[in-house]
Amino acid sequence: MCAQSEAQEHMTEEAFLQAMEETLQLPHGRVGMRDVLRDLPNWDSMRILDLVFMLEQKNGAAVKLGEAARWHTVADIARLAGVGHE
């Protein structure tokens, strides 16, 4: 199964970061593309599931948990979501 369909609409970087902050229950402006996930406040393994659900709901991206377990930075997740790509 493809990680995302060619026809789906991509999120802007701003919308993606806002969705990350909402999902992780962090204040606006707290999450940046270069942030290392394990360094974010309140980060734990359950946050991976929260982010998988967020991506599926907001962007239609199908995520395999094995792939999600390899995420290291916010930018890793953004690439999967197609953030900023036309």
N, C-alpha and C. Protein backbone atom coordinates (compact mmCIF):
# COMPACT_ATOMS: atom_id res chain seq x y z
N MET A 1 0.83 -1.17 0.00
CA MET A 1 0.00 0.00 0.00
C MET A 1 0.88 1.24 0.00
N CYS A 2 0.56 2.21 -0.80
CA CYS A 2 1.31 3.43 -0.93
C CYS A 2 1.17 4.30 0.32
N ALA A 3 2.25 4.99 0.72
CA ALA A 3 2.21 5.83 1.91
C ALA A 3 1.24 6.98 1.76
N GLN A 4 1.08 7.47 0.55
CA GLN A 4 0.09 8.52 0.32
C GLN A 4 -0.30 8.51 -1.14
N SER A 5 -1.53 8.88 -1.43
CA SER A 5 -1.98 8.86 -2.81
C SER A 5 -1.52 10.11 -3.52
N GLU A 6 -1.31 9.99 -4.83
CA GLU A 6 -0.86 11.12 -5.63
C GLU A 6 -1.88 12.24 -5.64
N ALA A 7 -3.15 11.94 -5.53
CA ALA A 7 -4.20 12.93 -5.66
C ALA A 7 -4.49 13.69 -4.36
N GLN A 8 -3.97 13.22 -3.24
CA GLN A 8 -4.33 13.87 -2.00
C GLN A 8 -3.70 15.25 -1.89
N GLU A 9 -4.34 16.10 -1.14
CA GLU A 9 -3.86 17.45 -0.93
C GLU A 9 -2.80 17.43 0.17
N HIS A 10 -1.74 18.20 -0.04
CA HIS A 10 -0.64 18.25 0.93
C HIS A 10 -0.84 19.40 1.90
N MET A 11 -0.35 19.21 3.12
CA MET A 11 -0.42 20.24 4.16
C MET A 11 0.71 21.24 3.95
N THR A 12 0.46 22.49 4.32
CA THR A 12 1.54 23.47 4.35
C THR A 12 2.38 23.19 5.59
N GLU A 13 3.59 23.72 5.61
CA GLU A 13 4.44 23.54 6.78
C GLU A 13 3.78 24.14 8.03
N GLU A 14 3.19 25.31 7.89
CA GLU A 14 2.52 25.96 9.01
C GLU A 14 1.38 25.11 9.55
N ALA A 15 0.54 24.58 8.67
CA ALA A 15 -0.59 23.75 9.09
C ALA A 15 -0.09 22.46 9.74
N PHE A 16 0.98 21.90 9.19
CA PHE A 16 1.55 20.68 9.74
C PHE A 16 2.08 20.92 11.16
N LEU A 17 2.85 21.99 11.35
CA LEU A 17 3.40 22.28 12.67
C LEU A 17 2.28 22.57 13.68
N GLN A 18 1.24 23.24 13.24
CA GLN A 18 0.10 23.51 14.13
C GLN A 18 -0.57 22.18 14.52
N ALA A 19 -0.74 21.29 13.56
CA ALA A 19 -1.35 19.98 13.86
C ALA A 19 -0.46 19.18 14.81
N MET A 20 0.85 19.26 14.63
CA MET A 20 1.78 18.59 15.54
C MET A 20 1.61 19.13 16.96
N GLU A 21 1.57 20.45 17.09
CA GLU A 21 1.43 21.07 18.41
C GLU A 21 0.10 20.69 19.06
N GLU A 22 -0.97 20.69 18.29
CA GLU A 22 -2.26 20.28 18.84
C GLU A 22 -2.24 18.84 19.29
N THR A 23 -1.68 17.98 18.46
CA THR A 23 -1.62 16.55 18.77
C THR A 23 -0.79 16.28 20.01
N LEU A 24 0.33 16.99 20.14
CA LEU A 24 1.23 16.78 21.27
C LEU A 24 0.89 17.67 22.47
N GLN A 25 -0.18 18.46 22.31
CA GLN A 25 -0.65 19.36 23.37
C GLN A 25 0.46 20.30 23.83
N LEU A 26 1.08 20.96 22.85
CA LEU A 26 2.14 21.92 23.11
C LEU A 26 1.71 23.31 22.67
N PRO A 27 2.27 24.35 23.26
CA PRO A 27 1.89 25.71 22.88
C PRO A 27 2.32 26.06 21.45
N HIS A 28 1.60 27.00 20.86
CA HIS A 28 1.91 27.46 19.50
C HIS A 28 3.35 27.96 19.45
N GLY A 29 4.05 27.56 18.41
CA GLY A 29 5.43 27.99 18.21
C GLY A 29 6.46 27.11 18.89
N ARG A 30 6.02 26.06 19.57
CA ARG A 30 6.94 25.19 20.31
C ARG A 30 7.61 24.14 19.43
N VAL A 31 6.98 23.74 18.33
CA VAL A 31 7.51 22.66 17.49
C VAL A 31 8.10 23.26 16.22
N GLY A 32 9.33 22.83 15.90
CA GLY A 32 10.00 23.24 14.67
C GLY A 32 10.41 22.03 13.86
N MET A 33 10.66 22.23 12.59
CA MET A 33 10.98 21.11 11.70
C MET A 33 12.25 20.36 12.11
N ARG A 34 13.19 21.04 12.73
CA ARG A 34 14.46 20.40 13.11
C ARG A 34 14.42 19.73 14.48
N ASP A 35 13.31 19.87 15.19
CA ASP A 35 13.23 19.30 16.54
C ASP A 35 13.35 17.78 16.51
N VAL A 36 14.12 17.26 17.46
CA VAL A 36 14.24 15.81 17.66
C VAL A 36 13.05 15.39 18.53
N LEU A 37 12.32 14.39 18.08
CA LEU A 37 11.09 13.99 18.75
C LEU A 37 11.29 13.67 20.22
N ARG A 38 12.30 12.89 20.55
CA ARG A 38 12.50 12.48 21.95
C ARG A 38 12.83 13.66 22.86
N ASP A 39 13.20 14.82 22.26
CA ASP A 39 13.51 16.01 23.06
C ASP A 39 12.29 16.89 23.30
N LEU A 40 11.16 16.58 22.67
CA LEU A 40 9.94 17.36 22.87
C LEU A 40 9.35 17.06 24.24
N PRO A 41 8.76 18.09 24.89
CA PRO A 41 8.15 17.85 26.20
C PRO A 41 7.08 16.75 26.12
N ASN A 42 7.03 15.93 27.14
CA ASN A 42 6.02 14.87 27.26
C ASN A 42 6.12 13.79 26.19
N TRP A 43 7.25 13.69 25.49
CA TRP A 43 7.38 12.68 24.44
C TRP A 43 7.46 11.28 25.06
N ASP A 44 6.69 10.37 24.50
CA ASP A 44 6.79 8.95 24.85
C ASP A 44 6.27 8.14 23.67
N SER A 45 6.34 6.85 23.77
CA SER A 45 5.97 5.98 22.64
C SER A 45 4.51 6.13 22.23
N MET A 46 3.65 6.50 23.16
CA MET A 46 2.23 6.68 22.82
C MET A 46 2.02 7.86 21.88
N ARG A 47 2.93 8.82 21.90
CA ARG A 47 2.83 9.98 21.01
C ARG A 47 2.96 9.56 19.55
N ILE A 48 3.71 8.49 19.30
CA ILE A 48 3.83 7.99 17.93
C ILE A 48 2.45 7.61 17.40
N LEU A 49 1.67 6.90 18.21
CA LEU A 49 0.32 6.53 17.79
C LEU A 49 -0.55 7.76 17.57
N ASP A 50 -0.43 8.74 18.46
CA ASP A 50 -1.18 9.98 18.29
C ASP A 50 -0.85 10.63 16.95
N LEU A 51 0.43 10.65 16.60
CA LEU A 51 0.85 11.28 15.34
C LEU A 51 0.40 10.48 14.12
N VAL A 52 0.43 9.16 14.23
CA VAL A 52 -0.08 8.32 13.14
C VAL A 52 -1.55 8.62 12.89
N PHE A 53 -2.34 8.69 13.94
CA PHE A 53 -3.77 9.00 13.79
C PHE A 53 -3.97 10.39 13.22
N MET A 54 -3.16 11.36 13.67
CA MET A 54 -3.27 12.72 13.15
C MET A 54 -2.99 12.75 11.66
N LEU A 55 -1.93 12.07 11.22
CA LEU A 55 -1.60 12.05 9.79
C LEU A 55 -2.71 11.41 8.97
N GLU A 56 -3.26 10.33 9.47
CA GLU A 56 -4.34 9.66 8.75
C GLU A 56 -5.58 10.54 8.67
N GLN A 57 -5.89 11.23 9.75
CA GLN A 57 -7.08 12.07 9.80
C GLN A 57 -6.92 13.35 8.97
N LYS A 58 -5.82 14.04 9.12
CA LYS A 58 -5.65 15.35 8.49
C LYS A 58 -5.12 15.28 7.08
N ASN A 59 -4.35 14.24 6.76
CA ASN A 59 -3.68 14.21 5.47
C ASN A 59 -3.94 12.95 4.67
N GLY A 60 -4.62 11.98 5.25
CA GLY A 60 -4.91 10.75 4.53
C GLY A 60 -3.70 9.85 4.33
N ALA A 61 -2.60 10.13 5.01
CA ALA A 61 -1.39 9.32 4.85
C ALA A 61 -1.53 8.01 5.61
N ALA A 62 -1.31 6.90 4.93
CA ALA A 62 -1.32 5.60 5.58
C ALA A 62 0.09 5.35 6.12
N VAL A 63 0.19 5.08 7.41
CA VAL A 63 1.49 4.95 8.06
C VAL A 63 1.60 3.57 8.68
N LYS A 64 2.69 2.88 8.38
CA LYS A 64 2.98 1.60 9.03
C LYS A 64 3.70 1.90 10.33
N LEU A 65 3.34 1.21 11.40
CA LEU A 65 3.95 1.49 12.70
C LEU A 65 5.46 1.27 12.70
N GLY A 66 5.93 0.31 11.93
CA GLY A 66 7.38 0.10 11.83
C GLY A 66 8.08 1.31 11.25
N GLU A 67 7.44 1.94 10.29
CA GLU A 67 7.99 3.17 9.70
C GLU A 67 7.96 4.30 10.73
N ALA A 68 6.85 4.42 11.45
CA ALA A 68 6.72 5.47 12.45
C ALA A 68 7.76 5.32 13.55
N ALA A 69 8.12 4.11 13.90
CA ALA A 69 9.10 3.87 14.95
C ALA A 69 10.49 4.38 14.56
N ARG A 70 10.72 4.61 13.28
CA ARG A 70 12.02 5.11 12.81
C ARG A 70 12.08 6.63 12.74
N TRP A 71 10.97 7.31 13.03
CA TRP A 71 10.98 8.77 13.02
C TRP A 71 11.96 9.28 14.06
N HIS A 72 12.75 10.27 13.67
CA HIS A 72 13.73 10.87 14.58
C HIS A 72 13.43 12.35 14.81
N THR A 73 13.06 13.04 13.74
CA THR A 73 12.79 14.47 13.83
C THR A 73 11.39 14.79 13.31
N VAL A 74 10.95 16.00 13.59
CA VAL A 74 9.68 16.48 13.07
C VAL A 74 9.71 16.46 11.54
N ALA A 75 10.86 16.78 10.95
CA ALA A 75 10.99 16.78 9.48
C ALA A 75 10.77 15.39 8.89
N ASP A 76 11.14 14.34 9.61
CA ASP A 76 10.89 12.97 9.13
C ASP A 76 9.40 12.74 8.92
N ILE A 77 8.60 13.22 9.86
CA ILE A 77 7.16 13.06 9.76
C ILE A 77 6.60 13.95 8.65
N ALA A 78 7.14 15.16 8.53
CA ALA A 78 6.69 16.10 7.49
C ALA A 78 6.92 15.52 6.10
N ARG A 79 8.05 14.85 5.89
CA ARG A 79 8.32 14.23 4.58
C ARG A 79 7.26 13.20 4.23
N LEU A 80 6.89 12.38 5.20
CA LEU A 80 5.84 11.38 4.97
C LEU A 80 4.51 12.05 4.60
N ALA A 81 4.23 13.16 5.26
CA ALA A 81 2.97 13.87 5.03
C ALA A 81 2.99 14.69 3.74
N GLY A 82 4.16 14.78 3.09
CA GLY A 82 4.26 15.54 1.85
C GLY A 82 4.21 17.04 2.07
N VAL A 83 4.61 17.47 3.24
CA VAL A 83 4.55 18.89 3.59
C VAL A 83 5.41 19.71 2.63
N GLY A 84 4.78 20.73 2.06
CA GLY A 84 5.48 21.66 1.19
C GLY A 84 5.66 21.21 -0.24
N HIS A 85 5.23 20.01 -0.58
CA HIS A 85 5.36 19.53 -1.97
C HIS A 85 4.12 19.86 -2.75
N GLU A 86 4.32 20.26 -3.96
CA GLU A 86 3.20 20.62 -4.85
C GLU A 86 2.69 19.39 -5.55
